[in-house]
């Protein structure tokens, strides 16, 4: 699976703008939501996702359609979207997308990360995405880093987080993780409110814990004799994802061989006001 087909860490438009739109709500409700506590194999992926109580999941084409409905553009094609209802009945959302670009080495991290340049490009990219949002969808604006990019070398996960607001003055956080594996990485993006956010590791830890590579596809399962190595390392990869530009040492041809996306860092909002109908759906209760 290539980079245009499986992402983690940008996400959702406010459901409040559509709360009175019966047709929109009907389309969301008709998706194949999973609500039973269980593990679910991902389509075309050597991994699975586990959901707990008060978590709800859509996979494959349904996940893609959900993102198209909520965001108003076709920039997201995730493998899975997970909605979590918290004890205070607030919501947060995570999307999962895997990219089989080859085994990603981590030895180029320090030489490629420029957080100031990355932020400027994320702001510009978000403004460009606003131009293609369907009518009625709130526009998104970036306020700054909630957490600058860093690499957890022990667990082989890359994190960062952005804070922003909408044209309706709703504040939000997008936290992103890249979970490295034998064949590439999985991008996981969490979206929630500033009140729900402490740091990227804290909010993404349960989201990442519910996603596991199958046996034989972990990062440590890499076989140098037979496996493909990615054309760029972790630092150049993050630089490219945020800016849309190839890091100098990665080279133009290496970047061109891996990437084919128009929008590199797309922001989304958490799915809100969905808990009443979705909890009703799986509890069998009516209001």
C-alpha atoms as a PDB file:
ATOM      1  CA  UNK A   1       0.000   0.000   0.000  1.00  0.00           C
ATOM      2  CA  UNK A   2       1.421   3.389  -1.034  1.00  0.00           C
ATOM      3  CA  UNK A   3       1.497   6.786   0.639  1.00  0.00           C
ATOM      4  CA  UNK A   4      -1.684   8.024  -0.986  1.00  0.00           C
ATOM      5  CA  UNK A   5      -3.627   5.131   0.523  1.00  0.00           C
ATOM      6  CA  UNK A   6      -2.930   4.705   4.280  1.00  0.00           C
ATOM      7  CA  UNK A   7      -2.207   7.681   6.766  1.00  0.00           C
ATOM      8  CA  UNK A   8      -2.029   8.750  10.932  1.00  0.00           C
ATOM      9  CA  UNK A   9      -1.398  11.774  11.889  1.00  0.00           C
ATOM     10  CA  UNK A  10      -5.094  15.346   9.734  1.00  0.00           C
ATOM     11  CA  UNK A  11      -8.794  15.168  10.533  1.00  0.00           C
ATOM     12  CA  UNK A  12     -12.507  16.291  10.986  1.00  0.00           C
ATOM     13  CA  UNK A  13     -15.015  19.015  10.373  1.00  0.00           C
ATOM     14  CA  UNK A  14     -17.444  20.029  13.060  1.00  0.00           C
ATOM     15  CA  UNK A  15     -20.571  17.926  12.966  1.00  0.00           C
ATOM     16  CA  UNK A  16     -22.490  20.860  14.476  1.00  0.00           C
ATOM     17  CA  UNK A  17     -22.688  22.556  11.070  1.00  0.00           C
ATOM     18  CA  UNK A  18     -24.716  19.574   9.871  1.00  0.00           C
ATOM     19  CA  UNK A  19     -26.709  18.743  13.016  1.00  0.00           C
ATOM     20  CA  UNK A  20     -29.957  19.748  11.316  1.00  0.00           C
ATOM     21  CA  UNK A  21     -29.115  18.148   8.010  1.00  0.00           C
ATOM     22  CA  UNK A  22     -31.126  14.935   7.984  1.00  0.00           C
ATOM     23  CA  UNK A  23     -29.618  13.682   4.738  1.00  0.00           C
ATOM     24  CA  UNK A  24     -26.073  14.152   5.992  1.00  0.00           C
ATOM     25  CA  UNK A  25     -26.822  12.469   9.314  1.00  0.00           C
ATOM     26  CA  UNK A  26     -28.561   9.615   7.538  1.00  0.00           C
ATOM     27  CA  UNK A  27     -25.481   8.996   5.373  1.00  0.00           C
ATOM     28  CA  UNK A  28     -23.234   8.906   8.446  1.00  0.00           C
ATOM     29  CA  UNK A  29     -25.597   6.541  10.242  1.00  0.00           C
ATOM     30  CA  UNK A  30     -25.788   4.185   7.260  1.00  0.00           C
ATOM     31  CA  UNK A  31     -22.058   3.490   7.361  1.00  0.00           C
ATOM     32  CA  UNK A  32     -20.987   0.082   8.649  1.00  0.00           C
ATOM     33  CA  UNK A  33     -20.112   1.094  12.216  1.00  0.00           C
ATOM     34  CA  UNK A  34     -18.481  -1.487  14.482  1.00  0.00           C
ATOM     35  CA  UNK A  35     -19.386  -1.209  18.165  1.00  0.00           C
ATOM     36  CA  UNK A  36     -18.671  -4.625  19.668  1.00  0.00           C
ATOM     37  CA  UNK A  37     -15.588  -4.804  21.886  1.00  0.00           C
ATOM     38  CA  UNK A  38     -13.267  -6.843  19.686  1.00  0.00           C
ATOM     39  CA  UNK A  39     -10.236  -6.790  17.366  1.00  0.00           C
ATOM     40  CA  UNK A  40     -10.810  -6.007  13.692  1.00  0.00           C
ATOM     41  CA  UNK A  41      -8.486  -6.854  10.829  1.00  0.00           C
ATOM     42  CA  UNK A  42      -7.715  -3.860   8.636  1.00  0.00           C
ATOM     43  CA  UNK A  43      -8.458  -4.088   4.918  1.00  0.00           C
ATOM     44  CA  UNK A  44      -5.329  -4.722   2.827  1.00  0.00           C
ATOM     45  CA  UNK A  45      -3.130  -4.387   5.894  1.00  0.00           C
ATOM     46  CA  UNK A  46      -1.050  -6.666   8.094  1.00  0.00           C
ATOM     47  CA  UNK A  47      -2.488  -5.129  11.256  1.00  0.00           C
ATOM     48  CA  UNK A  48      -5.595  -4.969  13.406  1.00  0.00           C
ATOM     49  CA  UNK A  49      -7.422  -2.470  15.628  1.00  0.00           C
ATOM     50  CA  UNK A  50      -9.054  -3.258  18.962  1.00  0.00           C
ATOM     51  CA  UNK A  51     -11.952  -1.171  20.235  1.00  0.00           C
ATOM     52  CA  UNK A  52     -13.119  -0.916  23.840  1.00  0.00           C
ATOM     53  CA  UNK A  53     -16.437   0.089  25.378  1.00  0.00           C
ATOM     54  CA  UNK A  54     -17.786   3.402  24.029  1.00  0.00           C
ATOM     55  CA  UNK A  55     -15.513   3.234  20.989  1.00  0.00           C
ATOM     56  CA  UNK A  56     -16.901   2.922  17.459  1.00  0.00           C
ATOM     57  CA  UNK A  57     -15.116   2.047  14.239  1.00  0.00           C
ATOM     58  CA  UNK A  58     -15.558   2.270  10.478  1.00  0.00           C
ATOM     59  CA  UNK A  59     -13.170   0.569   8.060  1.00  0.00           C
ATOM     60  CA  UNK A  60     -12.042   0.789   4.449  1.00  0.00           C
ATOM     61  CA  UNK A  61     -14.524   2.411   2.062  1.00  0.00           C
ATOM     62  CA  UNK A  62     -16.794   3.428   4.942  1.00  0.00           C
ATOM     63  CA  UNK A  63     -13.900   5.215   6.654  1.00  0.00           C
ATOM     64  CA  UNK A  64     -13.113   7.043   3.408  1.00  0.00           C
ATOM     65  CA  UNK A  65     -16.750   8.052   2.931  1.00  0.00           C
ATOM     66  CA  UNK A  66     -17.000   9.273   6.519  1.00  0.00           C
ATOM     67  CA  UNK A  67     -14.012  11.553   6.049  1.00  0.00           C
ATOM     68  CA  UNK A  68     -15.383  12.862   2.764  1.00  0.00           C
ATOM     69  CA  UNK A  69     -18.734  13.643   4.405  1.00  0.00           C
ATOM     70  CA  UNK A  70     -17.282  15.336   7.467  1.00  0.00           C
ATOM     71  CA  UNK A  71     -14.395  17.205   5.856  1.00  0.00           C
ATOM     72  CA  UNK A  72     -15.916  18.304   2.572  1.00  0.00           C
ATOM     73  CA  UNK A  73     -12.901  17.203   0.507  1.00  0.00           C
ATOM     74  CA  UNK A  74     -11.301  13.969  -0.656  1.00  0.00           C
ATOM     75  CA  UNK A  75      -7.909  14.434   0.995  1.00  0.00           C
ATOM     76  CA  UNK A  76      -8.317  11.553   3.452  1.00  0.00           C
ATOM     77  CA  UNK A  77      -8.455   7.887   2.461  1.00  0.00           C
ATOM     78  CA  UNK A  78      -7.883   6.134   5.782  1.00  0.00           C
ATOM     79  CA  UNK A  79      -7.967   2.438   6.563  1.00  0.00           C
ATOM     80  CA  UNK A  80      -9.985   3.120   9.707  1.00  0.00           C
ATOM     81  CA  UNK A  81     -11.683   5.876  11.686  1.00  0.00           C
ATOM     82  CA  UNK A  82     -12.360   5.438  15.404  1.00  0.00           C
ATOM     83  CA  UNK A  83     -14.738   7.576  17.459  1.00  0.00           C
ATOM     84  CA  UNK A  84     -14.367   7.560  21.254  1.00  0.00           C
ATOM     85  CA  UNK A  85     -17.063   8.771  23.648  1.00  0.00           C
ATOM     86  CA  UNK A  86     -15.524   9.935  26.930  1.00  0.00           C
ATOM     87  CA  UNK A  87     -17.121   9.735  30.370  1.00  0.00           C
ATOM     88  CA  UNK A  88     -18.137  13.406  30.177  1.00  0.00           C
ATOM     89  CA  UNK A  89     -19.799  12.613  26.816  1.00  0.00           C
ATOM     90  CA  UNK A  90     -17.245  14.622  24.868  1.00  0.00           C
ATOM     91  CA  UNK A  91     -15.770  13.022  21.753  1.00  0.00           C
ATOM     92  CA  UNK A  92     -12.378  12.524  20.187  1.00  0.00           C
ATOM     93  CA  UNK A  93     -11.567  10.918  16.864  1.00  0.00           C
ATOM     94  CA  UNK A  94      -8.604   9.045  15.417  1.00  0.00           C
ATOM     95  CA  UNK A  95      -7.808   7.984  11.877  1.00  0.00           C
ATOM     96  CA  UNK A  96      -5.369   5.287  10.812  1.00  0.00           C
ATOM     97  CA  UNK A  97      -3.605   4.995   7.480  1.00  0.00           C
ATOM     98  CA  UNK A  98      -0.692   2.755   6.587  1.00  0.00           C
ATOM     99  CA  UNK A  99       2.018   3.442   4.006  1.00  0.00           C
ATOM    100  CA  UNK A 100       4.176   0.619   2.681  1.00  0.00           C
ATOM    101  CA  UNK A 101       7.148   2.703   1.526  1.00  0.00           C
ATOM    102  CA  UNK A 102       9.799   0.324   2.835  1.00  0.00           C
ATOM    103  CA  UNK A 103      11.698   0.053   6.110  1.00  0.00           C
ATOM    104  CA  UNK A 104      12.307   3.562   7.520  1.00  0.00           C
ATOM    105  CA  UNK A 105      15.693   4.124   9.162  1.00  0.00           C
ATOM    106  CA  UNK A 106      15.985   6.665  11.999  1.00  0.00           C
ATOM    107  CA  UNK A 107      19.592   7.849  11.676  1.00  0.00           C
ATOM    108  CA  UNK A 108      18.802  11.126   9.846  1.00  0.00           C
ATOM    109  CA  UNK A 109      16.443  12.662  12.405  1.00  0.00           C
ATOM    110  CA  UNK A 110      18.431  15.635  13.716  1.00  0.00           C
ATOM    111  CA  UNK A 111      19.651  16.865  10.332  1.00  0.00           C
ATOM    112  CA  UNK A 112      16.210  17.236   8.746  1.00  0.00           C
ATOM    113  CA  UNK A 113      13.847  18.664  11.384  1.00  0.00           C
ATOM    114  CA  UNK A 114      13.213  22.431  11.218  1.00  0.00           C
ATOM    115  CA  UNK A 115      10.071  23.091  13.270  1.00  0.00           C
ATOM    116  CA  UNK A 116       9.739  26.760  12.219  1.00  0.00           C
ATOM    117  CA  UNK A 117       9.792  25.943   8.517  1.00  0.00           C
ATOM    118  CA  UNK A 118       7.460  23.010   9.045  1.00  0.00           C
ATOM    119  CA  UNK A 119       4.913  25.189  10.854  1.00  0.00           C
ATOM    120  CA  UNK A 120       4.954  27.800   8.096  1.00  0.00           C
ATOM    121  CA  UNK A 121       4.261  25.110   5.504  1.00  0.00           C
ATOM    122  CA  UNK A 122       1.475  23.559   7.585  1.00  0.00           C
ATOM    123  CA  UNK A 123      -0.214  26.968   7.832  1.00  0.00           C
ATOM    124  CA  UNK A 124       0.047  27.460   4.083  1.00  0.00           C
ATOM    125  CA  UNK A 125      -1.173  23.933   3.344  1.00  0.00           C
ATOM    126  CA  UNK A 126      -4.202  24.382   5.585  1.00  0.00           C
ATOM    127  CA  UNK A 127      -5.101  27.614   3.802  1.00  0.00           C
ATOM    128  CA  UNK A 128      -4.906  25.778   0.470  1.00  0.00           C
ATOM    129  CA  UNK A 129      -7.139  22.996   1.788  1.00  0.00           C
ATOM    130  CA  UNK A 130      -9.732  25.566   2.885  1.00  0.00           C
ATOM    131  CA  UNK A 131     -10.178  26.473  -0.782  1.00  0.00           C
ATOM    132  CA  UNK A 132     -11.459  23.005  -1.665  1.00  0.00           C
ATOM    133  CA  UNK A 133     -13.775  22.432   1.293  1.00  0.00           C
ATOM    134  CA  UNK A 134     -17.387  21.955   0.276  1.00  0.00           C
ATOM    135  CA  UNK A 135     -19.840  24.752   1.002  1.00  0.00           C
ATOM    136  CA  UNK A 136     -21.089  24.664   4.593  1.00  0.00           C
ATOM    137  CA  UNK A 137     -17.887  23.229   6.045  1.00  0.00           C
ATOM    138  CA  UNK A 138     -15.995  25.379   8.526  1.00  0.00           C
ATOM    139  CA  UNK A 139     -12.580  26.665   7.488  1.00  0.00           C
ATOM    140  CA  UNK A 140      -9.584  25.748   9.631  1.00  0.00           C
ATOM    141  CA  UNK A 141      -6.702  27.945  10.813  1.00  0.00           C
ATOM    142  CA  UNK A 142      -3.417  27.035  12.513  1.00  0.00           C
ATOM    143  CA  UNK A 143      -2.370  28.812  15.711  1.00  0.00           C
ATOM    144  CA  UNK A 144       0.954  27.056  16.334  1.00  0.00           C
ATOM    145  CA  UNK A 145       2.632  23.963  17.674  1.00  0.00           C
ATOM    146  CA  UNK A 146       0.992  22.167  20.567  1.00  0.00           C
ATOM    147  CA  UNK A 147       4.117  19.979  20.516  1.00  0.00           C
ATOM    148  CA  UNK A 148       7.054  20.085  18.116  1.00  0.00           C
ATOM    149  CA  UNK A 149       8.120  16.865  16.327  1.00  0.00           C
ATOM    150  CA  UNK A 150      10.198  14.334  18.234  1.00  0.00           C
ATOM    151  CA  UNK A 151      11.265  10.730  17.784  1.00  0.00           C
ATOM    152  CA  UNK A 152      10.753   8.120  20.488  1.00  0.00           C
ATOM    153  CA  UNK A 153      13.666   5.877  19.508  1.00  0.00           C
ATOM    154  CA  UNK A 154      12.843   3.222  22.088  1.00  0.00           C
ATOM    155  CA  UNK A 155       9.304   2.610  20.811  1.00  0.00           C
ATOM    156  CA  UNK A 156      10.000   3.749  17.220  1.00  0.00           C
ATOM    157  CA  UNK A 157       7.170   6.269  17.118  1.00  0.00           C
ATOM    158  CA  UNK A 158       7.299   9.860  15.846  1.00  0.00           C
ATOM    159  CA  UNK A 159       4.994  12.453  17.448  1.00  0.00           C
ATOM    160  CA  UNK A 160       3.869  16.030  16.934  1.00  0.00           C
ATOM    161  CA  UNK A 161       0.758  18.134  17.563  1.00  0.00           C
ATOM    162  CA  UNK A 162      -0.841  21.292  16.178  1.00  0.00           C
ATOM    163  CA  UNK A 163      -3.378  23.639  17.753  1.00  0.00           C
ATOM    164  CA  UNK A 164      -5.835  25.684  15.750  1.00  0.00           C
ATOM    165  CA  UNK A 165      -9.333  27.109  15.451  1.00  0.00           C
ATOM    166  CA  UNK A 166     -12.203  27.141  12.982  1.00  0.00           C
ATOM    167  CA  UNK A 167     -14.011  29.970  11.234  1.00  0.00           C
ATOM    168  CA  UNK A 168     -16.690  29.390  13.903  1.00  0.00           C
ATOM    169  CA  UNK A 169     -14.033  29.972  16.604  1.00  0.00           C
ATOM    170  CA  UNK A 170     -13.964  26.360  17.799  1.00  0.00           C
ATOM    171  CA  UNK A 171     -10.562  25.467  19.242  1.00  0.00           C
ATOM    172  CA  UNK A 172      -9.038  22.079  18.370  1.00  0.00           C
ATOM    173  CA  UNK A 173      -5.889  19.981  18.582  1.00  0.00           C
ATOM    174  CA  UNK A 174      -4.504  17.574  15.990  1.00  0.00           C
ATOM    175  CA  UNK A 175      -1.886  15.174  17.351  1.00  0.00           C
ATOM    176  CA  UNK A 176      -0.070  12.882  14.959  1.00  0.00           C
ATOM    177  CA  UNK A 177       2.046   9.751  15.356  1.00  0.00           C
ATOM    178  CA  UNK A 178       3.968   7.728  12.814  1.00  0.00           C
ATOM    179  CA  UNK A 179       4.290   4.151  14.049  1.00  0.00           C
ATOM    180  CA  UNK A 180       7.178   2.487  12.239  1.00  0.00           C
ATOM    181  CA  UNK A 181       6.904  -1.097  11.063  1.00  0.00           C
ATOM    182  CA  UNK A 182       8.735  -3.618   8.922  1.00  0.00           C
ATOM    183  CA  UNK A 183       7.260  -2.435   5.605  1.00  0.00           C
ATOM    184  CA  UNK A 184       6.831   1.269   6.296  1.00  0.00           C
ATOM    185  CA  UNK A 185       4.735   3.161   8.799  1.00  0.00           C
ATOM    186  CA  UNK A 186       1.191   3.795   9.945  1.00  0.00           C
ATOM    187  CA  UNK A 187       0.053   7.361  10.393  1.00  0.00           C
ATOM    188  CA  UNK A 188      -2.345   7.897  13.281  1.00  0.00           C
ATOM    189  CA  UNK A 189      -4.063  11.235  13.808  1.00  0.00           C
ATOM    190  CA  UNK A 190      -5.999  12.186  16.928  1.00  0.00           C
ATOM    191  CA  UNK A 191      -8.386  15.142  16.998  1.00  0.00           C
ATOM    192  CA  UNK A 192      -9.926  16.608  20.120  1.00  0.00           C
ATOM    193  CA  UNK A 193     -10.312  19.747  22.189  1.00  0.00           C
ATOM    194  CA  UNK A 194      -7.518  21.608  24.020  1.00  0.00           C
ATOM    195  CA  UNK A 195      -9.138  20.508  27.293  1.00  0.00           C
ATOM    196  CA  UNK A 196      -8.614  16.859  26.333  1.00  0.00           C
ATOM    197  CA  UNK A 197      -4.980  17.377  25.326  1.00  0.00           C
ATOM    198  CA  UNK A 198      -1.989  17.067  27.650  1.00  0.00           C
ATOM    199  CA  UNK A 199       0.758  15.985  25.265  1.00  0.00           C
ATOM    200  CA  UNK A 200       0.961  13.950  22.081  1.00  0.00           C
ATOM    201  CA  UNK A 201       2.191  10.775  23.762  1.00  0.00           C
ATOM    202  CA  UNK A 202      -0.578  10.834  26.375  1.00  0.00           C
ATOM    203  CA  UNK A 203      -3.496  11.269  23.972  1.00  0.00           C
ATOM    204  CA  UNK A 204      -2.049   8.965  21.318  1.00  0.00           C
ATOM    205  CA  UNK A 205      -0.875   6.171  23.641  1.00  0.00           C
ATOM    206  CA  UNK A 206      -4.295   4.447  23.905  1.00  0.00           C
ATOM    207  CA  UNK A 207      -4.938   5.074  20.209  1.00  0.00           C
ATOM    208  CA  UNK A 208      -1.604   3.488  19.292  1.00  0.00           C
ATOM    209  CA  UNK A 209      -2.016   0.654  21.800  1.00  0.00           C
ATOM    210  CA  UNK A 210      -5.220  -0.407  20.067  1.00  0.00           C
ATOM    211  CA  UNK A 211      -3.359  -0.726  16.740  1.00  0.00           C
ATOM    212  CA  UNK A 212      -0.956  -3.631  16.368  1.00  0.00           C
ATOM    213  CA  UNK A 213       1.079  -4.949  13.469  1.00  0.00           C
ATOM    214  CA  UNK A 214       0.520  -8.646  12.954  1.00  0.00           C
ATOM    215  CA  UNK A 215       3.279 -11.116  13.816  1.00  0.00           C
ATOM    216  CA  UNK A 216       6.143 -10.817  11.372  1.00  0.00           C
ATOM    217  CA  UNK A 217       5.423  -7.189  10.465  1.00  0.00           C
ATOM    218  CA  UNK A 218       6.871  -5.359  13.502  1.00  0.00           C
ATOM    219  CA  UNK A 219       9.804  -2.974  13.051  1.00  0.00           C
ATOM    220  CA  UNK A 220      12.140  -5.516  14.655  1.00  0.00           C
ATOM    221  CA  UNK A 221      11.087  -8.150  12.107  1.00  0.00           C
ATOM    222  CA  UNK A 222      13.001  -6.321   9.355  1.00  0.00           C
ATOM    223  CA  UNK A 223      15.146  -8.655   7.233  1.00  0.00           C
ATOM    224  CA  UNK A 224      17.937  -6.667   5.525  1.00  0.00           C
ATOM    225  CA  UNK A 225      18.671  -9.491   3.093  1.00  0.00           C
ATOM    226  CA  UNK A 226      15.204  -9.405   1.516  1.00  0.00           C
ATOM    227  CA  UNK A 227      13.204  -6.357   2.672  1.00  0.00           C
ATOM    228  CA  UNK A 228      13.022  -3.007   0.888  1.00  0.00           C
ATOM    229  CA  UNK A 229      14.511   0.037   2.632  1.00  0.00           C
ATOM    230  CA  UNK A 230      12.656   3.350   2.218  1.00  0.00           C
ATOM    231  CA  UNK A 231      14.307   5.962  -0.004  1.00  0.00           C
ATOM    232  CA  UNK A 232      14.444   8.382   2.935  1.00  0.00           C
ATOM    233  CA  UNK A 233      14.859   8.155   6.688  1.00  0.00           C
ATOM    234  CA  UNK A 234      12.531   9.251   9.474  1.00  0.00           C
ATOM    235  CA  UNK A 235      13.721  12.869   9.554  1.00  0.00           C
ATOM    236  CA  UNK A 236      13.354  13.405   5.817  1.00  0.00           C
ATOM    237  CA  UNK A 237       9.988  11.645   5.898  1.00  0.00           C
ATOM    238  CA  UNK A 238       8.557  13.967   8.554  1.00  0.00           C
ATOM    239  CA  UNK A 239       9.989  17.012   6.784  1.00  0.00           C
ATOM    240  CA  UNK A 240       8.335  15.886   3.570  1.00  0.00           C
ATOM    241  CA  UNK A 241       4.993  15.124   5.211  1.00  0.00           C
ATOM    242  CA  UNK A 242       4.823  18.565   6.793  1.00  0.00           C
ATOM    243  CA  UNK A 243       6.235  20.733   4.007  1.00  0.00           C
ATOM    244  CA  UNK A 244       5.631  18.845   0.780  1.00  0.00           C
ATOM    245  CA  UNK A 245       9.302  19.391  -0.049  1.00  0.00           C
ATOM    246  CA  UNK A 246      12.139  16.892  -0.269  1.00  0.00           C
ATOM    247  CA  UNK A 247      14.867  17.285   2.320  1.00  0.00           C
ATOM    248  CA  UNK A 248      18.110  18.180   0.543  1.00  0.00           C
ATOM    249  CA  UNK A 249      19.936  15.005   1.526  1.00  0.00           C
ATOM    250  CA  UNK A 250      16.976  12.807   0.579  1.00  0.00           C
ATOM    251  CA  UNK A 251      17.138  13.973  -3.017  1.00  0.00           C
ATOM    252  CA  UNK A 252      14.410  14.850  -5.506  1.00  0.00           C
ATOM    253  CA  UNK A 253      14.203  11.430  -7.152  1.00  0.00           C
ATOM    254  CA  UNK A 254      13.843   9.662  -3.819  1.00  0.00           C
ATOM    255  CA  UNK A 255      10.964  11.929  -2.856  1.00  0.00           C
ATOM    256  CA  UNK A 256       9.288  11.636  -6.243  1.00  0.00           C
ATOM    257  CA  UNK A 257       9.447   7.859  -6.055  1.00  0.00           C
ATOM    258  CA  UNK A 258       7.641   7.777  -2.707  1.00  0.00           C
ATOM    259  CA  UNK A 259       5.143  10.622  -2.682  1.00  0.00           C
ATOM    260  CA  UNK A 260       2.231  11.513  -4.927  1.00  0.00           C
ATOM    261  CA  UNK A 261      -0.025  13.712  -2.786  1.00  0.00           C
ATOM    262  CA  UNK A 262      -1.239  17.235  -3.484  1.00  0.00           C
ATOM    263  CA  UNK A 263      -1.834  18.114   0.165  1.00  0.00           C
ATOM    264  CA  UNK A 264       0.794  16.966   2.604  1.00  0.00           C
ATOM    265  CA  UNK A 265      -0.486  17.994   6.000  1.00  0.00           C
ATOM    266  CA  UNK A 266      -4.266  18.224   6.221  1.00  0.00           C
ATOM    267  CA  UNK A 267      -5.930  19.326   9.453  1.00  0.00           C
ATOM    268  CA  UNK A 268      -9.256  17.916  10.638  1.00  0.00           C
ATOM    269  CA  UNK A 269     -11.710  18.490  13.471  1.00  0.00           C
ATOM    270  CA  UNK A 270     -13.085  15.981  15.982  1.00  0.00           C
ATOM    271  CA  UNK A 271     -16.433  14.402  15.212  1.00  0.00           C
ATOM    272  CA  UNK A 272     -18.906  15.970  17.655  1.00  0.00           C
ATOM    273  CA  UNK A 273     -22.540  15.547  18.655  1.00  0.00           C
ATOM    274  CA  UNK A 274     -22.538  11.993  17.328  1.00  0.00           C
ATOM    275  CA  UNK A 275     -22.702  10.106  20.603  1.00  0.00           C
ATOM    276  CA  UNK A 276     -26.497  10.106  21.092  1.00  0.00           C
ATOM    277  CA  UNK A 277     -27.391   8.204  17.963  1.00  0.00           C
ATOM    278  CA  UNK A 278     -24.360   5.955  17.930  1.00  0.00           C
ATOM    279  CA  UNK A 279     -24.739   4.888  21.561  1.00  0.00           C
ATOM    280  CA  UNK A 280     -28.433   4.320  20.895  1.00  0.00           C
ATOM    281  CA  UNK A 281     -27.554   2.184  17.872  1.00  0.00           C
ATOM    282  CA  UNK A 282     -25.415  -0.245  19.854  1.00  0.00           C
ATOM    283  CA  UNK A 283     -27.331  -0.217  23.142  1.00  0.00           C
ATOM    284  CA  UNK A 284     -30.673  -0.892  21.480  1.00  0.00           C
ATOM    285  CA  UNK A 285     -32.216   1.854  23.605  1.00  0.00           C
ATOM    286  CA  UNK A 286     -34.300   4.785  22.421  1.00  0.00           C
ATOM    287  CA  UNK A 287     -34.378   8.236  23.891  1.00  0.00           C
END
